[in-house]
N, C-alpha and C. Protein backbone atom coordinates (compact mmCIF):
# COMPACT_ATOMS: atom_id res chain seq x y z
N MET A 1 16.47 -1.16 5.68
CA MET A 1 15.30 -0.92 5.76
C MET A 1 15.88 0.96 5.71
N ASP A 2 15.26 1.46 4.96
CA ASP A 2 15.80 3.68 5.41
C ASP A 2 14.81 4.18 5.95
N GLN A 3 14.96 5.14 6.82
CA GLN A 3 14.30 6.09 8.16
C GLN A 3 13.08 6.18 7.55
N VAL A 4 12.89 6.79 5.97
CA VAL A 4 12.28 7.17 5.32
C VAL A 4 10.60 6.09 5.24
N PHE A 5 11.42 5.15 4.65
CA PHE A 5 10.34 4.25 4.18
C PHE A 5 9.20 3.05 6.10
N LYS A 6 10.61 3.44 6.68
CA LYS A 6 9.95 2.89 7.91
C LYS A 6 8.22 3.62 8.44
N ARG A 7 8.96 5.47 8.06
CA ARG A 7 7.95 6.07 8.46
C ARG A 7 6.42 6.42 7.67
N MET A 8 6.62 5.79 6.21
CA MET A 8 6.00 6.11 5.17
C MET A 8 5.06 4.89 5.96
N ILE A 9 6.08 3.61 6.10
CA ILE A 9 4.70 1.71 6.84
C ILE A 9 4.35 2.62 7.67
N LYS A 10 4.83 3.07 8.60
CA LYS A 10 3.71 3.73 10.03
C LYS A 10 2.48 4.20 9.63
N MET A 11 3.01 5.57 8.78
CA MET A 11 1.74 6.49 8.93
C MET A 11 0.86 5.61 7.18
N GLN A 12 0.58 4.86 7.20
CA GLN A 12 0.24 4.04 6.63
C GLN A 12 -0.74 2.73 6.70
N ILE A 13 -0.07 2.14 8.08
CA ILE A 13 -0.94 1.24 8.92
C ILE A 13 -1.32 2.23 9.86
N VAL A 14 -1.21 3.44 10.39
CA VAL A 14 -2.01 3.60 11.04
C VAL A 14 -3.46 3.83 10.33
N ALA A 15 -3.40 4.67 9.28
CA ALA A 15 -4.32 5.68 8.97
C ALA A 15 -5.22 4.58 8.30
N ILE A 16 -4.85 2.67 7.98
CA ILE A 16 -5.30 1.86 7.52
C ILE A 16 -6.71 1.64 8.62
N LEU A 17 -5.68 1.55 9.86
CA LEU A 17 -6.76 1.02 10.89
C LEU A 17 -7.78 1.73 11.25
N ILE A 18 -7.00 3.69 11.12
CA ILE A 18 -8.47 3.86 11.41
C ILE A 18 -9.25 4.10 10.04
N VAL A 19 -8.81 3.87 9.19
CA VAL A 19 -10.95 3.51 7.97
C VAL A 19 -11.05 2.63 8.91
N GLY A 20 -10.94 1.51 8.88
CA GLY A 20 -10.72 0.45 9.13
C GLY A 20 -11.96 0.11 10.00
N PHE A 21 -11.93 1.23 12.02
CA PHE A 21 -12.74 1.31 12.71
C PHE A 21 -13.93 1.85 12.19
N ALA A 22 -13.69 2.91 10.70
CA ALA A 22 -13.95 4.30 10.78
C ALA A 22 -15.42 2.86 9.91
N THR A 23 -15.06 1.70 8.95
CA THR A 23 -16.19 1.45 8.18
C THR A 23 -16.07 0.06 9.01
N PHE A 24 -15.87 -0.40 9.89
CA PHE A 24 -16.57 -0.99 11.09
C PHE A 24 -17.43 -0.18 11.78
N ALA A 25 -17.48 1.23 11.57
CA ALA A 25 -18.31 1.42 12.54
C ALA A 25 -19.93 1.78 11.67
N PHE A 26 -20.10 1.86 10.24
CA PHE A 26 -20.84 2.11 9.37
C PHE A 26 -21.28 0.90 8.67
N ALA A 27 -20.56 -0.09 8.88
CA ALA A 27 -20.67 -1.15 7.51
C ALA A 27 -20.71 -2.92 8.49
N GLY A 28 -19.95 -2.15 9.41
CA GLY A 28 -19.32 -3.35 10.42
C GLY A 28 -18.53 -5.21 10.42
N LEU A 29 -18.65 -5.25 10.44
CA LEU A 29 -17.66 -6.07 11.62
C LEU A 29 -16.88 -5.97 9.63
N HIS A 30 -17.47 -6.80 8.30
CA HIS A 30 -17.18 -7.24 7.30
C HIS A 30 -16.84 -6.04 6.62
N GLY A 31 -17.44 -5.20 7.24
CA GLY A 31 -17.19 -3.71 6.33
C GLY A 31 -14.61 -3.63 6.78
N GLY A 32 -14.49 -3.21 8.21
CA GLY A 32 -13.36 -3.27 8.38
C GLY A 32 -12.17 -3.95 8.19
N LEU A 33 -13.06 -4.87 8.59
CA LEU A 33 -12.29 -6.58 7.64
C LEU A 33 -11.68 -5.99 5.97
N SER A 34 -12.85 -5.49 5.01
CA SER A 34 -12.31 -5.55 3.48
C SER A 34 -11.71 -4.48 3.68
N ALA A 35 -12.01 -3.33 4.17
CA ALA A 35 -10.91 -2.52 4.20
C ALA A 35 -9.18 -2.08 4.50
N ILE A 36 -9.60 -3.08 6.00
CA ILE A 36 -8.26 -3.88 6.36
C ILE A 36 -7.15 -3.78 4.66
N ALA A 37 -7.90 -5.90 4.72
CA ALA A 37 -7.77 -6.38 3.50
C ALA A 37 -7.36 -5.76 2.14
N GLY A 38 -8.15 -4.31 2.13
CA GLY A 38 -7.00 -3.15 0.65
C GLY A 38 -6.38 -3.17 0.70
N GLY A 39 -5.84 -1.84 2.49
CA GLY A 39 -5.01 -1.23 3.03
C GLY A 39 -4.00 -2.77 2.31
N PHE A 40 -4.13 -3.66 3.00
CA PHE A 40 -3.21 -4.40 3.36
C PHE A 40 -2.31 -4.72 1.89
N ALA A 41 -3.20 -4.67 0.98
CA ALA A 41 -2.40 -5.20 -0.12
C ALA A 41 -2.21 -4.77 -0.67
N ALA A 42 -1.63 -3.15 -0.85
CA ALA A 42 -0.98 -2.14 -0.96
C ALA A 42 -0.40 -1.79 -0.18
N ILE A 43 -0.13 -1.96 1.39
CA ILE A 43 1.30 -1.75 2.28
C ILE A 43 1.84 -3.37 1.45
N VAL A 44 1.49 -4.72 1.39
CA VAL A 44 2.35 -5.39 1.58
C VAL A 44 3.69 -4.98 -0.48
N GLY A 45 2.75 -4.74 -0.97
CA GLY A 45 2.66 -4.44 -2.89
C GLY A 45 4.00 -3.23 -2.61
N GLY A 46 3.00 -2.61 -1.72
CA GLY A 46 4.77 -1.35 -1.44
C GLY A 46 5.90 -2.18 -0.87
N TYR A 47 5.93 -2.10 -0.30
CA TYR A 47 6.85 -3.49 1.04
C TYR A 47 7.67 -4.44 -0.05
N PHE A 48 7.35 -5.45 -0.91
CA PHE A 48 8.17 -5.44 -1.93
C PHE A 48 8.98 -5.33 -3.54
N ALA A 49 8.56 -4.20 -3.64
CA ALA A 49 8.39 -3.35 -4.33
C ALA A 49 9.34 -2.37 -4.12
N SER A 50 9.63 -2.23 -2.51
CA SER A 50 10.80 -1.27 -2.18
C SER A 50 12.01 -2.54 -2.31
N PHE A 51 12.56 -3.42 -2.30
CA PHE A 51 13.53 -3.80 -2.66
C PHE A 51 13.55 -3.90 -3.58
N VAL A 52 12.73 -4.17 -4.61
CA VAL A 52 13.62 -4.37 -6.51
C VAL A 52 13.59 -2.49 -6.68
N ALA A 53 13.10 -1.59 -6.07
CA ALA A 53 13.62 -0.10 -6.27
C ALA A 53 14.84 0.42 -5.52
N SER A 54 15.36 -0.34 -4.72
CA SER A 54 16.64 -0.43 -4.24
C SER A 54 17.07 -0.53 -4.24
N GLY A 55 18.75 -0.42 -5.34
CA GLY A 55 19.88 -0.87 -5.72
C GLY A 55 21.28 0.25 -5.78
N LYS A 56 22.23 -0.37 -6.73
CA LYS A 56 22.97 0.54 -6.67
C LYS A 56 22.92 2.36 -6.24
N PRO A 57 23.57 3.27 -6.17
CA PRO A 57 23.50 4.54 -5.67
C PRO A 57 23.70 5.30 -6.89
N HIS A 58 24.44 4.74 -7.34
CA HIS A 58 25.47 5.08 -8.60
C HIS A 58 25.37 4.77 -9.98
N GLN A 59 23.74 4.72 -10.58
CA GLN A 59 24.20 4.70 -11.87
C GLN A 59 23.14 5.84 -12.47
N ASP A 60 23.80 4.85 -13.86
CA ASP A 60 22.69 6.66 -15.06
C ASP A 60 21.27 6.64 -15.37
N ALA A 61 20.50 7.25 -15.91
CA ALA A 61 19.44 7.56 -15.64
C ALA A 61 18.03 6.39 -16.42
N SER A 62 18.98 5.69 -17.06
CA SER A 62 18.23 5.21 -17.77
C SER A 62 18.32 3.36 -17.23
N SER A 63 18.96 3.08 -16.13
CA SER A 63 19.18 1.76 -15.19
C SER A 63 18.47 2.38 -14.36
N VAL A 64 18.29 3.43 -13.24
CA VAL A 64 17.22 4.28 -12.16
C VAL A 64 15.63 3.79 -12.47
N LEU A 65 15.69 4.06 -14.10
CA LEU A 65 13.85 3.97 -14.74
C LEU A 65 13.73 2.97 -14.44
N ILE A 66 14.56 2.13 -14.93
CA ILE A 66 14.16 1.03 -15.43
C ILE A 66 14.17 0.05 -14.45
N ARG A 67 14.51 0.07 -13.34
CA ARG A 67 14.29 -0.62 -11.80
C ARG A 67 13.19 -0.25 -10.97
N LEU A 68 12.56 1.33 -11.33
CA LEU A 68 11.46 2.02 -10.78
C LEU A 68 10.70 1.03 -11.31
N ILE A 69 10.22 0.95 -13.55
CA ILE A 69 9.58 0.61 -13.90
C ILE A 69 8.91 -1.07 -13.31
N LYS A 70 10.48 -1.56 -12.76
CA LYS A 70 10.57 -2.92 -12.48
C LYS A 70 9.62 -2.83 -10.94
N ALA A 71 10.09 -1.69 -10.49
CA ALA A 71 9.59 -2.67 -9.01
C ALA A 71 7.72 -2.01 -8.93
N GLU A 72 7.72 -0.89 -9.98
CA GLU A 72 6.15 -0.09 -9.98
C GLU A 72 5.46 -2.10 -10.97
N ALA A 73 5.66 -1.75 -11.92
CA ALA A 73 4.81 -3.84 -12.19
C ALA A 73 5.09 -4.76 -11.37
N LEU A 74 5.27 -4.79 -10.01
CA LEU A 74 6.40 -6.12 -8.94
C LEU A 74 4.71 -4.98 -7.72
N LYS A 75 5.00 -4.59 -8.14
CA LYS A 75 3.77 -4.01 -7.27
C LYS A 75 2.41 -4.04 -7.70
N ILE A 76 2.10 -3.45 -9.11
CA ILE A 76 1.29 -3.99 -9.05
C ILE A 76 0.51 -5.17 -9.21
N LEU A 77 1.18 -5.94 -9.58
CA LEU A 77 0.74 -7.62 -9.61
C LEU A 77 1.05 -8.25 -8.03
N ILE A 78 1.45 -7.31 -7.35
CA ILE A 78 1.49 -8.45 -5.71
C ILE A 78 -0.77 -7.13 -5.25
N ILE A 79 -0.86 -6.42 -5.65
CA ILE A 79 -1.80 -5.15 -5.09
C ILE A 79 -2.68 -6.74 -5.39
N VAL A 80 -3.08 -6.62 -7.34
CA VAL A 80 -3.71 -7.32 -8.21
C VAL A 80 -3.79 -9.18 -7.66
N LEU A 81 -2.99 -9.77 -7.53
CA LEU A 81 -3.10 -10.89 -6.78
C LEU A 81 -4.17 -11.03 -5.64
N MET A 82 -3.21 -10.13 -4.81
CA MET A 82 -3.55 -9.92 -3.38
C MET A 82 -5.21 -10.05 -3.14
N LEU A 83 -5.76 -8.77 -3.77
CA LEU A 83 -7.71 -8.33 -4.60
C LEU A 83 -7.79 -9.62 -4.93
N TRP A 84 -7.04 -10.19 -5.75
CA TRP A 84 -8.88 -11.35 -6.79
C TRP A 84 -7.93 -12.38 -5.69
N LEU A 85 -7.10 -12.59 -4.56
CA LEU A 85 -7.71 -13.34 -3.25
C LEU A 85 -8.61 -13.75 -2.33
N THR A 86 -8.64 -12.51 -2.56
CA THR A 86 -8.97 -11.48 -1.06
C THR A 86 -10.63 -11.45 -1.82
N PHE A 87 -11.30 -12.02 -2.62
CA PHE A 87 -12.68 -11.21 -3.58
C PHE A 87 -12.50 -12.66 -3.74
N LYS A 88 -11.65 -13.90 -4.06
CA LYS A 88 -12.29 -15.20 -4.14
C LYS A 88 -12.21 -16.05 -2.61
N LEU A 89 -11.44 -15.52 -2.15
CA LEU A 89 -11.86 -16.51 -0.63
C LEU A 89 -12.61 -15.62 -0.03
N TYR A 90 -12.52 -14.57 0.15
CA TYR A 90 -13.80 -13.45 1.26
C TYR A 90 -15.58 -13.53 0.88
N LYS A 91 -16.00 -14.37 1.12
CA LYS A 91 -17.32 -14.50 1.08
C LYS A 91 -17.79 -13.32 1.76
N GLU A 92 -17.75 -12.34 2.42
CA GLU A 92 -18.77 -11.34 3.24
C GLU A 92 -18.58 -10.85 3.30
N LEU A 93 -17.27 -10.52 1.93
CA LEU A 93 -16.57 -9.25 1.34
C LEU A 93 -17.08 -7.21 0.80
N VAL A 94 -16.75 -6.91 1.64
CA VAL A 94 -17.87 -5.14 0.73
C VAL A 94 -16.90 -4.44 0.54
N PRO A 95 -17.02 -4.67 -1.16
CA PRO A 95 -16.70 -3.89 -1.73
C PRO A 95 -15.94 -2.86 -1.68
N ILE A 96 -16.61 -1.88 -1.46
CA ILE A 96 -16.62 -0.35 -1.13
C ILE A 96 -15.92 0.06 -0.02
N ALA A 97 -15.58 -1.17 0.44
CA ALA A 97 -14.70 -0.56 1.87
C ALA A 97 -13.41 -1.04 1.77
N LEU A 98 -13.13 -2.27 0.63
CA LEU A 98 -12.31 -2.55 0.40
C LEU A 98 -11.26 -1.37 -0.84
N ILE A 99 -11.97 -1.28 -1.68
CA ILE A 99 -11.99 0.16 -2.19
C ILE A 99 -11.67 1.29 -1.27
N LEU A 100 -12.22 1.80 -0.69
CA LEU A 100 -11.92 2.83 0.72
C LEU A 100 -10.31 1.70 0.56
N GLY A 101 -10.08 1.72 1.10
CA GLY A 101 -8.53 0.65 1.92
C GLY A 101 -7.81 0.99 1.25
N LEU A 102 -8.00 0.18 -0.49
CA LEU A 102 -6.71 0.37 -1.34
C LEU A 102 -6.58 2.07 -1.20
N ALA A 103 -7.74 2.91 -1.28
CA ALA A 103 -7.34 4.43 -2.42
C ALA A 103 -6.15 4.75 -0.66
N THR A 104 -6.52 5.27 0.18
CA THR A 104 -6.51 5.68 1.51
C THR A 104 -5.68 5.11 1.43
N VAL A 105 -4.80 3.89 1.81
CA VAL A 105 -3.26 3.24 1.49
C VAL A 105 -2.31 3.80 0.10
N ALA A 106 -3.08 4.32 -1.32
CA ALA A 106 -2.04 4.29 -2.54
C ALA A 106 -1.52 5.65 -2.25
N LEU A 107 -3.30 6.56 -2.01
CA LEU A 107 -3.01 8.30 -1.93
C LEU A 107 -1.91 8.70 -0.75
N LEU A 108 -1.89 8.26 0.36
CA LEU A 108 -1.10 8.04 1.34
C LEU A 108 0.17 7.70 0.87
N SER A 109 0.31 7.09 0.30
CA SER A 109 1.82 6.35 0.12
C SER A 109 2.09 7.59 -1.53
N GLY A 110 2.44 8.77 -1.94
CA GLY A 110 3.37 9.45 -1.96
C GLY A 110 3.27 10.94 -1.73
N ALA A 111 2.48 10.81 -0.48
CA ALA A 111 1.92 12.20 0.17
C ALA A 111 2.71 11.96 0.96
N ALA A 112 2.76 11.06 1.83
CA ALA A 112 3.82 10.40 2.66
C ALA A 112 5.63 10.71 2.55
N LEU A 113 5.87 10.19 1.29
CA LEU A 113 6.94 10.00 0.90
C LEU A 113 6.96 12.03 1.16
N SER A 114 6.40 12.86 0.21
CA SER A 114 6.18 14.41 0.28
C SER A 114 6.92 14.71 1.47
N GLY A 115 5.80 14.28 2.15
CA GLY A 115 5.94 14.79 3.07
C GLY A 115 6.97 14.73 4.63
N ILE A 116 7.44 13.55 4.35
CA ILE A 116 8.98 12.83 5.08
C ILE A 116 10.33 13.40 4.51
N HIS A 117 10.11 13.91 3.37
CA HIS A 117 11.76 14.03 3.15
C HIS A 117 10.96 15.71 2.99
N ASP A 118 10.53 15.96 3.19
CA ASP A 118 10.53 18.44 3.72
C ASP A 118 10.43 17.88 5.06
N LYS A 119 10.67 16.99 5.93
CA LYS A 119 10.70 16.88 7.18
C LYS A 119 12.10 16.66 7.58
N LYS A 120 13.20 16.21 6.46
CA LYS A 120 15.00 16.06 6.31
C LYS A 120 15.72 17.25 6.35
C-alpha cells in the first residue's frame, strides 16, 4: 500500500472518530456508534477497491478506465452490503448519524487525495 493511501486512511479514521464523538455528545452512544459504522463501511469499501484499482503502471487508457470502473463498482457493492448488514443487525441504529458518518468519509476521500497529492 502506498504512502498516499495510508495517509488518506489515517485522515478518514481521525475524521470519523471526531464525527463519532460529536454524534455521541448529541445523540448518545447509539448515535456515535451509528456514525462510526457509516464511516467504517466507506473506509472498508475504499480499502478493497484500492487493490482492484492498482495494477500495471504502463497500460493503455481503456484498460485503466475499466480497472477504475471495476474498483468503484466493488467499493459501492461493499458499502451497500455493509450498510445493509448494519441496518439488519443493529437494532438501536440512528440512521441520520450513520448517513453523517458515511458522508464525512465519502467527502474526505476525494479531498484527501487531492490535498495529499498537492503536498508531494
